[in-house]
PDB file of N, CA and C in Angstrom:
ATOM      1  N   MET A   1      57.042 103.375 151.486  1.00  0.00           N
ATOM      2  CA  MET A   1      55.874 102.533 151.721  1.00  0.00           C
ATOM      3  C   MET A   1      55.175 102.190 150.399  1.00  0.00           C
ATOM      4  N   ARG A   2      55.112 103.195 149.516  1.00  0.00           N
ATOM      5  CA  ARG A   2      54.426 102.975 148.245  1.00  0.00           C
ATOM      6  C   ARG A   2      55.160 101.937 147.400  1.00  0.00           C
ATOM      7  N   ASN A   3      56.496 101.988 147.420  1.00  0.00           N
ATOM      8  CA  ASN A   3      57.288 101.047 146.645  1.00  0.00           C
ATOM      9  C   ASN A   3      57.073  99.621 147.149  1.00  0.00           C
ATOM     10  N   ARG A   4      56.999  99.450 148.458  1.00  0.00           N
ATOM     11  CA  ARG A   4      56.759  98.120 149.027  1.00  0.00           C
ATOM     12  C   ARG A   4      55.366  97.622 148.625  1.00  0.00           C
ATOM     13  N   PHE A   5      54.377  98.508 148.636  1.00  0.00           N
ATOM     14  CA  PHE A   5      53.021  98.128 148.239  1.00  0.00           C
ATOM     15  C   PHE A   5      52.991  97.700 146.776  1.00  0.00           C
ATOM     16  N   GLN A   6      53.698  98.441 145.918  1.00  0.00           N
ATOM     17  CA  GLN A   6      53.762  98.069 144.508  1.00  0.00           C
ATOM     18  C   GLN A   6      54.453  96.725 144.327  1.00  0.00           C
ATOM     19  N   SER A   7      55.499  96.480 145.102  1.00  0.00           N
ATOM     20  CA  SER A   7      56.201  95.200 145.002  1.00  0.00           C
ATOM     21  C   SER A   7      55.294  94.046 145.410  1.00  0.00           C
ATOM     22  N   ILE A   8      54.500  94.248 146.440  1.00  0.00           N
ATOM     23  CA  ILE A   8      53.580  93.199 146.884  1.00  0.00           C
ATOM     24  C   ILE A   8      52.532  92.930 145.813  1.00  0.00           C
ATOM     25  N   ILE A   9      52.001  93.984 145.207  1.00  0.00           N
ATOM     26  CA  ILE A   9      50.999  93.817 144.146  1.00  0.00           C
ATOM     27  C   ILE A   9      51.603  93.072 142.957  1.00  0.00           C
ATOM     28  N   VAL A  10      52.817  93.451 142.553  1.00  0.00           N
ATOM     29  CA  VAL A  10      53.469  92.780 141.425  1.00  0.00           C
ATOM     30  C   VAL A  10      53.727  91.322 141.759  1.00  0.00           C
ATOM     31  N   LEU A  11      54.166  91.047 142.984  1.00  0.00           N
ATOM     32  CA  LEU A  11      54.416  89.669 143.390  1.00  0.00           C
ATOM     33  C   LEU A  11      53.134  88.841 143.365  1.00  0.00           C
ATOM     34  N   LEU A  12      52.030  89.412 143.806  1.00  0.00           N
ATOM     35  CA  LEU A  12      50.756  88.693 143.766  1.00  0.00           C
ATOM     36  C   LEU A  12      50.322  88.420 142.326  1.00  0.00           C
ATOM     37  N   LEU A  13      50.491  89.397 141.453  1.00  0.00           N
ATOM     38  CA  LEU A  13      50.121  89.194 140.050  1.00  0.00           C
ATOM     39  C   LEU A  13      51.002  88.138 139.393  1.00  0.00           C
ATOM     40  N   LEU A  14      52.298  88.172 139.692  1.00  0.00           N
ATOM     41  CA  LEU A  14      53.199  87.180 139.113  1.00  0.00           C
ATOM     42  C   LEU A  14      52.889  85.783 139.626  1.00  0.00           C
ATOM     43  N   SER A  15      52.601  85.678 140.918  1.00  0.00           N
ATOM     44  CA  SER A  15      52.279  84.351 141.450  1.00  0.00           C
ATOM     45  C   SER A  15      50.957  83.856 140.878  1.00  0.00           C
ATOM     46  N   ALA A  16      50.025  84.764 140.609  1.00  0.00           N
ATOM     47  CA  ALA A  16      48.765  84.351 139.991  1.00  0.00           C
ATOM     48  C   ALA A  16      48.992  83.844 138.574  1.00  0.00           C
ATOM     49  N   ALA A  17      50.032  84.326 137.908  1.00  0.00           N
ATOM     50  CA  ALA A  17      50.338  83.852 136.560  1.00  0.00           C
ATOM     51  C   ALA A  17      51.195  82.594 136.575  1.00  0.00           C
ATOM     52  N   ILE A  18      52.062  82.467 137.580  1.00  0.00           N
ATOM     53  CA  ILE A  18      53.017  81.355 137.595  1.00  0.00           C
ATOM     54  C   ILE A  18      52.398  80.070 138.121  1.00  0.00           C
ATOM     55  N   VAL A  19      51.582  80.151 139.150  1.00  0.00           N
ATOM     56  CA  VAL A  19      51.048  78.933 139.775  1.00  0.00           C
ATOM     57  C   VAL A  19      50.223  78.099 138.798  1.00  0.00           C
ATOM     58  N   PRO A  20      49.291  78.671 138.029  1.00  0.00           N
ATOM     59  CA  PRO A  20      48.576  77.829 137.059  1.00  0.00           C
ATOM     60  C   PRO A  20      49.495  77.269 135.977  1.00  0.00           C
ATOM     61  N   ALA A  21      50.487  78.056 135.570  1.00  0.00           N
ATOM     62  CA  ALA A  21      51.413  77.565 134.548  1.00  0.00           C
ATOM     63  C   ALA A  21      52.239  76.406 135.083  1.00  0.00           C
ATOM     64  N   ALA A  22      52.668  76.513 136.332  1.00  0.00           N
ATOM     65  CA  ALA A  22      53.466  75.433 136.916  1.00  0.00           C
ATOM     66  C   ALA A  22      52.632  74.172 137.083  1.00  0.00           C
ATOM     67  N   SER A  23      51.393  74.327 137.514  1.00  0.00           N
ATOM     68  CA  SER A  23      50.558  73.140 137.684  1.00  0.00           C
ATOM     69  C   SER A  23      50.221  72.510 136.336  1.00  0.00           C
ATOM     70  N   ALA A  24      50.056  73.335 135.308  1.00  0.00           N
ATOM     71  CA  ALA A  24      49.772  72.786 133.979  1.00  0.00           C
ATOM     72  C   ALA A  24      51.018  72.153 133.367  1.00  0.00           C
ATOM     73  N   ALA A  25      52.184  72.694 133.688  1.00  0.00           N
ATOM     74  CA  ALA A  25      53.418  72.156 133.120  1.00  0.00           C
ATOM     75  C   ALA A  25      53.726  70.772 133.670  1.00  0.00           C
ATOM     76  N   PHE A  26      53.339  70.513 134.903  1.00  0.00           N
ATOM     77  CA  PHE A  26      53.644  69.236 135.533  1.00  0.00           C
ATOM     78  C   PHE A  26      52.409  68.353 135.687  1.00  0.00           C
ATOM     79  N   GLN A  27      51.407  68.613 134.882  1.00  0.00           N
ATOM     80  CA  GLN A  27      50.178  67.837 134.945  1.00  0.00           C
ATOM     81  C   GLN A  27      50.412  66.447 134.354  1.00  0.00           C
ATOM     82  N   VAL A  28      49.844  65.452 134.999  1.00  0.00           N
ATOM     83  CA  VAL A  28      49.986  64.077 134.519  1.00  0.00           C
ATOM     84  C   VAL A  28      48.995  63.861 133.381  1.00  0.00           C
ATOM     85  N   VAL A  29      49.513  63.428 132.257  1.00  0.00           N
ATOM     86  CA  VAL A  29      48.671  63.157 131.093  1.00  0.00           C
ATOM     87  C   VAL A  29      48.394  61.662 131.061  1.00  0.00           C
ATOM     88  N   PRO A  30      47.131  61.259 131.077  1.00  0.00           N
ATOM     89  CA  PRO A  30      46.829  59.825 131.071  1.00  0.00           C
ATOM     90  C   PRO A  30      47.226  59.175 129.742  1.00  0.00           C
ATOM     91  N   TRP A  31      47.555  57.901 129.833  1.00  0.00           N
ATOM     92  CA  TRP A  31      47.938  57.151 128.636  1.00  0.00           C
ATOM     93  C   TRP A  31      46.701  56.897 127.797  1.00  0.00           C
ATOM     94  N   VAL A  32      46.806  57.195 126.522  1.00  0.00           N
ATOM     95  CA  VAL A  32      45.702  56.974 125.595  1.00  0.00           C
ATOM     96  C   VAL A  32      46.195  55.980 124.553  1.00  0.00           C
ATOM     97  N   GLU A  33      45.386  54.945 124.342  1.00  0.00           N
ATOM     98  CA  GLU A  33      45.748  53.958 123.327  1.00  0.00           C
ATOM     99  C   GLU A  33      45.753  54.622 121.955  1.00  0.00           C
ATOM    100  N   PRO A  34      46.737  54.299 121.127  1.00  0.00           N
ATOM    101  CA  PRO A  34      46.763  54.898 119.790  1.00  0.00           C
ATOM    102  C   PRO A  34      45.563  54.440 118.960  1.00  0.00           C
ATOM    103  N   THR A  35      45.018  55.367 118.243  1.00  0.00           N
ATOM    104  CA  THR A  35      43.870  55.064 117.384  1.00  0.00           C
ATOM    105  C   THR A  35      44.336  55.053 115.935  1.00  0.00           C
ATOM    106  N   PRO A  36      43.710  54.232 115.108  1.00  0.00           N
ATOM    107  CA  PRO A  36      44.143  54.180 113.709  1.00  0.00           C
ATOM    108  C   PRO A  36      43.811  55.460 112.936  1.00  0.00           C
ATOM    109  N   GLU A  37      42.727  56.148 113.310  1.00  0.00           N
ATOM    110  CA  GLU A  37      42.382  57.366 112.571  1.00  0.00           C
ATOM    111  C   GLU A  37      43.163  58.551 113.156  1.00  0.00           C
ATOM    112  N   PRO A  38      43.557  59.485 112.322  1.00  0.00           N
ATOM    113  CA  PRO A  38      44.316  60.640 112.820  1.00  0.00           C
ATOM    114  C   PRO A  38      43.431  61.555 113.666  1.00  0.00           C
ATOM    115  N   THR A  39      44.034  62.176 114.637  1.00  0.00           N
ATOM    116  CA  THR A  39      43.291  63.106 115.491  1.00  0.00           C
ATOM    117  C   THR A  39      43.566  64.533 115.030  1.00  0.00           C
ATOM    118  N   PRO A  40      42.578  65.396 115.139  1.00  0.00           N
ATOM    119  CA  PRO A  40      42.797  66.798 114.752  1.00  0.00           C
ATOM    120  C   PRO A  40      43.822  67.467 115.678  1.00  0.00           C
ATOM    121  N   VAL A  41      44.436  68.496 115.176  1.00  0.00           N
ATOM    122  CA  VAL A  41      45.475  69.193 115.935  1.00  0.00           C
ATOM    123  C   VAL A  41      44.888  69.872 117.167  1.00  0.00           C
ATOM    124  N   GLU A  42      43.634  70.313 117.106  1.00  0.00           N
ATOM    125  CA  GLU A  42      43.026  71.024 118.228  1.00  0.00           C
ATOM    126  C   GLU A  42      42.896  70.139 119.465  1.00  0.00           C
ATOM    127  N   GLU A  43      42.823  68.840 119.300  1.00  0.00           N
ATOM    128  CA  GLU A  43      42.664  67.949 120.446  1.00  0.00           C
ATOM    129  C   GLU A  43      43.984  67.644 121.144  1.00  0.00           C
ATOM    130  N   GLU A  44      45.100  67.894 120.480  1.00  0.00           N
ATOM    131  CA  GLU A  44      46.398  67.591 121.069  1.00  0.00           C
ATOM    132  C   GLU A  44      46.781  68.684 122.068  1.00  0.00           C
ATOM    133  N   PRO A  45      47.233  68.302 123.253  1.00  0.00           N
ATOM    134  CA  PRO A  45      47.671  69.333 124.209  1.00  0.00           C
ATOM    135  C   PRO A  45      49.009  69.935 123.783  1.00  0.00           C
ATOM    136  N   LEU A  46      49.217  71.177 124.144  1.00  0.00           N
ATOM    137  CA  LEU A  46      50.470  71.853 123.835  1.00  0.00           C
ATOM    138  C   LEU A  46      51.242  72.057 125.142  1.00  0.00           C
ATOM    139  N   PRO A  47      52.110  71.127 125.508  1.00  0.00           N
ATOM    140  CA  PRO A  47      52.794  71.249 126.797  1.00  0.00           C
ATOM    141  C   PRO A  47      53.861  72.336 126.819  1.00  0.00           C
ATOM    142  N   ILE A  48      54.239  72.861 125.662  1.00  0.00           N
ATOM    143  CA  ILE A  48      55.293  73.875 125.646  1.00  0.00           C
ATOM    144  C   ILE A  48      54.783  75.219 126.148  1.00  0.00           C
ATOM    145  N   ILE A  49      53.501  75.510 125.983  1.00  0.00           N
ATOM    146  CA  ILE A  49      52.969  76.809 126.389  1.00  0.00           C
ATOM    147  C   ILE A  49      53.047  77.005 127.902  1.00  0.00           C
ATOM    148  N   PRO A  50      52.618  76.052 128.742  1.00  0.00           N
ATOM    149  CA  PRO A  50      52.782  76.258 130.189  1.00  0.00           C
ATOM    150  C   PRO A  50      54.244  76.378 130.609  1.00  0.00           C
ATOM    151  N   ALA A  51      55.121  75.640 129.949  1.00  0.00           N
ATOM    152  CA  ALA A  51      56.543  75.746 130.287  1.00  0.00           C
ATOM    153  C   ALA A  51      57.070  77.141 129.948  1.00  0.00           C
ATOM    154  N   LEU A  52      56.649  77.686 128.811  1.00  0.00           N
ATOM    155  CA  LEU A  52      57.067  79.042 128.451  1.00  0.00           C
ATOM    156  C   LEU A  52      56.492  80.069 129.418  1.00  0.00           C
ATOM    157  N   MET A  53      55.258  79.858 129.869  1.00  0.00           N
ATOM    158  CA  MET A  53      54.671  80.757 130.856  1.00  0.00           C
ATOM    159  C   MET A  53      55.458  80.716 132.157  1.00  0.00           C
ATOM    160  N   LEU A  54      55.882  79.531 132.552  1.00  0.00           N
ATOM    161  CA  LEU A  54      56.662  79.379 133.781  1.00  0.00           C
ATOM    162  C   LEU A  54      58.006  80.099 133.656  1.00  0.00           C
ATOM    163  N   ILE A  55      58.671  79.914 132.531  1.00  0.00           N
ATOM    164  CA  ILE A  55      59.960  80.583 132.314  1.00  0.00           C
ATOM    165  C   ILE A  55      59.775  82.100 132.266  1.00  0.00           C
ATOM    166  N   GLY A  56      58.710  82.547 131.615  1.00  0.00           N
ATOM    167  CA  GLY A  56      58.436  83.983 131.558  1.00  0.00           C
ATOM    168  C   GLY A  56      58.143  84.570 132.924  1.00  0.00           C
ATOM    169  N   GLY A  57      57.409  83.846 133.746  1.00  0.00           N
ATOM    170  CA  GLY A  57      57.124  84.322 135.102  1.00  0.00           C
ATOM    171  C   GLY A  57      58.377  84.425 135.942  1.00  0.00           C
ATOM    172  N   ILE A  58      59.251  83.436 135.829  1.00  0.00           N
ATOM    173  CA  ILE A  58      60.510  83.481 136.571  1.00  0.00           C
ATOM    174  C   ILE A  58      61.365  84.649 136.080  1.00  0.00           C
ATOM    175  N   SER A  59      61.349  84.892 134.783  1.00  0.00           N
ATOM    176  CA  SER A  59      62.109  86.021 134.233  1.00  0.00           C
ATOM    177  C   SER A  59      61.571  87.350 134.748  1.00  0.00           C
ATOM    178  N   LEU A  60      60.256  87.470 134.853  1.00  0.00           N
ATOM    179  CA  LEU A  60      59.676  88.709 135.374  1.00  0.00           C
ATOM    180  C   LEU A  60      60.048  88.928 136.834  1.00  0.00           C
ATOM    181  N   ILE A  61      60.059  87.854 137.611  1.00  0.00           N
ATOM    182  CA  ILE A  61      60.475  87.984 139.014  1.00  0.00           C
ATOM    183  C   ILE A  61      61.915  88.474 139.076  1.00  0.00           C
ATOM    184  N   GLY A  62      62.771  87.902 138.253  1.00  0.00           N
ATOM    185  CA  GLY A  62      64.158  88.354 138.227  1.00  0.00           C
ATOM    186  C   GLY A  62      64.279  89.804 137.802  1.00  0.00           C
ATOM    187  N   TYR A  63      63.486  90.205 136.814  1.00  0.00           N
ATOM    188  CA  TYR A  63      63.555  91.578 136.308  1.00  0.00           C
ATOM    189  C   TYR A  63      63.074  92.581 137.347  1.00  0.00           C
ATOM    190  N   PHE A  64      61.994  92.265 138.053  1.00  0.00           N
ATOM    191  CA  PHE A  64      61.423  93.224 138.993  1.00  0.00           C
ATOM    192  C   PHE A  64      62.068  93.198 140.371  1.00  0.00           C
ATOM    193  N   PHE A  65      62.648  92.074 140.789  1.00  0.00           N
ATOM    194  CA  PHE A  65      63.131  91.973 142.157  1.00  0.00           C
ATOM    195  C   PHE A  65      64.639  91.775 142.264  1.00  0.00           C
ATOM    196  N   ILE A  66      65.248  91.019 141.372  1.00  0.00           N
ATOM    197  CA  ILE A  66      66.676  90.731 141.498  1.00  0.00           C
ATOM    198  C   ILE A  66      67.512  91.780 140.778  1.00  0.00           C
ATOM    199  N   LEU A  67      67.117  92.167 139.576  1.00  0.00           N
ATOM    200  CA  LEU A  67      67.895  93.120 138.787  1.00  0.00           C
ATOM    201  C   LEU A  67      68.051  94.481 139.471  1.00  0.00           C
ATOM    202  N   PRO A  68      67.009  95.084 140.064  1.00  0.00           N
ATOM    203  CA  PRO A  68      67.220  96.377 140.739  1.00  0.00           C
ATOM    204  C   PRO A  68      68.224  96.289 141.890  1.00  0.00           C
ATOM    205  N   LYS A  69      68.203  95.192 142.638  1.00  0.00           N
ATOM    206  CA  LYS A  69      69.170  95.042 143.729  1.00  0.00           C
ATOM    207  C   LYS A  69      70.583  94.907 143.175  1.00  0.00           C
ATOM    208  N   TYR A  70      70.729  94.182 142.075  1.00  0.00           N
ATOM    209  CA  TYR A  70      72.041  94.025 141.447  1.00  0.00           C
ATOM    210  C   TYR A  70      72.562  95.369 140.942  1.00  0.00           C
ATOM    211  N   GLU A  71      71.693  96.145 140.278  1.00  0.00           N
ATOM    212  CA  GLU A  71      72.111  97.444 139.759  1.00  0.00           C
ATOM    213  C   GLU A  71      72.461  98.402 140.888  1.00  0.00           C
ATOM    214  N   ALA A  72      71.694  98.372 141.975  1.00  0.00           N
ATOM    215  CA  ALA A  72      72.003  99.232 143.118  1.00  0.00           C
ATOM    216  C   ALA A  72      73.351  98.858 143.720  1.00  0.00           C
ATOM    217  N   ASN A  73      73.637  97.573 143.786  1.00  0.00           N
ATOM    218  CA  ASN A  73      74.923  97.127 144.318  1.00  0.00           C
ATOM    219  C   ASN A  73      76.066  97.579 143.411  1.00  0.00           C
ATOM    220  N   GLN A  74      75.866  97.521 142.090  1.00  0.00           N
ATOM    221  CA  GLN A  74      76.896  97.972 141.156  1.00  0.00           C
ATOM    222  C   GLN A  74      77.137  99.479 141.290  1.00  0.00           C
ATOM    223  N   ARG A  75      76.063 100.266 141.441  1.00  0.00           N
ATOM    224  CA  ARG A  75      76.217 101.713 141.627  1.00  0.00           C
ATOM    225  C   ARG A  75      76.945 102.016 142.933  1.00  0.00           C
ATOM    226  N   LYS A  76      76.623 101.248 143.978  1.00  0.00           N
ATOM    227  CA  LYS A  76      77.277 101.444 145.275  1.00  0.00           C
ATOM    228  C   LYS A  76      78.773 101.155 145.169  1.00  0.00           C
ATOM    229  N   LYS A  77      79.132 100.080 144.463  1.00  0.00           N
ATOM    230  CA  LYS A  77      80.547  99.750 144.284  1.00  0.00           C
ATOM    231  C   LYS A  77      81.264 100.844 143.497  1.00  0.00           C
ATOM    232  N   ALA A  78      80.626 101.362 142.449  1.00  0.00           N
ATOM    233  CA  ALA A  78      81.235 102.424 141.649  1.00  0.00           C
ATOM    234  C   ALA A  78      81.415 103.686 142.489  1.00  0.00           C
ATOM    235  N   PHE A  79      80.428 104.011 143.312  1.00  0.00           N
ATOM    236  CA  PHE A  79      80.525 105.187 144.179  1.00  0.00           C
ATOM    237  C   PHE A  79      81.657 105.020 145.187  1.00  0.00           C
ATOM    238  N   GLU A  80      81.771 103.846 145.791  1.00  0.00           N
ATOM    239  CA  GLU A  80      82.846 103.592 146.755  1.00  0.00           C
ATOM    240  C   GLU A  80      84.214 103.686 146.077  1.00  0.00           C
ATOM    241  N   LYS A  81      84.304 103.222 144.847  1.00  0.00           N
ATOM    242  CA  LYS A  81      85.569 103.298 144.107  1.00  0.00           C
ATOM    243  C   LYS A  81      85.951 104.751 143.849  1.00  0.00           C
ATOM    244  N   ILE A  82      84.977 105.567 143.438  1.00  0.00           N
ATOM    245  CA  ILE A  82      85.236 106.987 143.201  1.00  0.00           C
ATOM    246  C   ILE A  82      85.604 107.678 144.504  1.00  0.00           C
ATOM    247  N   ARG A  83      84.925 107.340 145.577  1.00  0.00           N
ATOM    248  CA  ARG A  83      85.213 107.939 146.883  1.00  0.00           C
ATOM    249  C   ARG A  83      86.621 107.584 147.360  1.00  0.00           C
ATOM    250  N   ALA A  84      87.014 106.332 147.169  1.00  0.00           N
ATOM    251  CA  ALA A  84      88.360 105.915 147.568  1.00  0.00           C
ATOM    252  C   ALA A  84      89.411 106.625 146.720  1.00  0.00           C
ATOM    253  N   GLU A  85      89.150 106.766 145.426  1.00  0.00           N
ATOM    254  CA  GLU A  85      90.085 107.472 144.545  1.00  0.00           C
ATOM    255  C   GLU A  85      90.185 108.938 144.938  1.00  0.00           C
ATOM    256  N   SER A  86      89.059 109.551 145.287  1.00  0.00           N
ATOM    257  CA  SER A  86      89.052 110.944 145.717  1.00  0.00           C
ATOM    258  C   SER A  86      89.838 111.111 147.013  1.00  0.00           C
ATOM    259  N   ALA A  87      89.663 110.197 147.947  1.00  0.00           N
ATOM    260  CA  ALA A  87      90.408 110.265 149.209  1.00  0.00           C
ATOM    261  C   ALA A  87      91.899 110.077 148.964  1.00  0.00           C
ATOM    262  N   ARG A  88      92.251 109.206 148.039  1.00  0.00           N
ATOM    263  CA  ARG A  88      93.665 108.978 147.723  1.00  0.00           C
ATOM    264  C   ARG A  88      94.277 110.233 147.100  1.00  0.00           C
ATOM    265  N   LEU A  89      93.544 110.877 146.196  1.00  0.00           N
ATOM    266  CA  LEU A  89      94.054 112.093 145.568  1.00  0.00           C
ATOM    267  C   LEU A  89      94.129 113.247 146.563  1.00  0.00           C
ATOM    268  N   ARG A  90      93.232 113.289 147.519  1.00  0.00           N
ATOM    269  CA  ARG A  90      93.236 114.332 148.530  1.00  0.00           C
ATOM    270  C   ARG A  90      94.466 114.209 149.431  1.00  0.00           C
ATOM    271  N   ASP A  91      94.906 112.977 149.672  1.00  0.00           N
ATOM    272  CA  ASP A  91      96.058 112.748 150.540  1.00  0.00           C
ATOM    273  C   ASP A  91      97.373 113.109 149.867  1.00  0.00           C
ATOM    274  N   ILE A  92      97.376 113.187 148.547  1.00  0.00           N
ATOM    275  CA  ILE A  92      98.638 113.469 147.828  1.00  0.00           C
ATOM    276  C   ILE A  92      99.054 114.893 147.990  1.00  0.00           C
TER     277      ILE A  92
END
């Protein structure tokens, strides 16, 4: 029960981080007429940061939810292989 509760909390935290990043990554930027004077760097939006946040959030979901299931499946396959080998040697 505790593990499921922790998974729900992690999922809520990840979704709280991913949803704003996704909305910022796909935000429509209005067309601005070019001005002859240069604009300071602080006024320019950085669209790469929300995209990196989105990729990082997806990576965290994979790390916390997909990778443990994959590793458990690999351990199960290794155990079944050892068990089959043991049964084969027992029959000899």
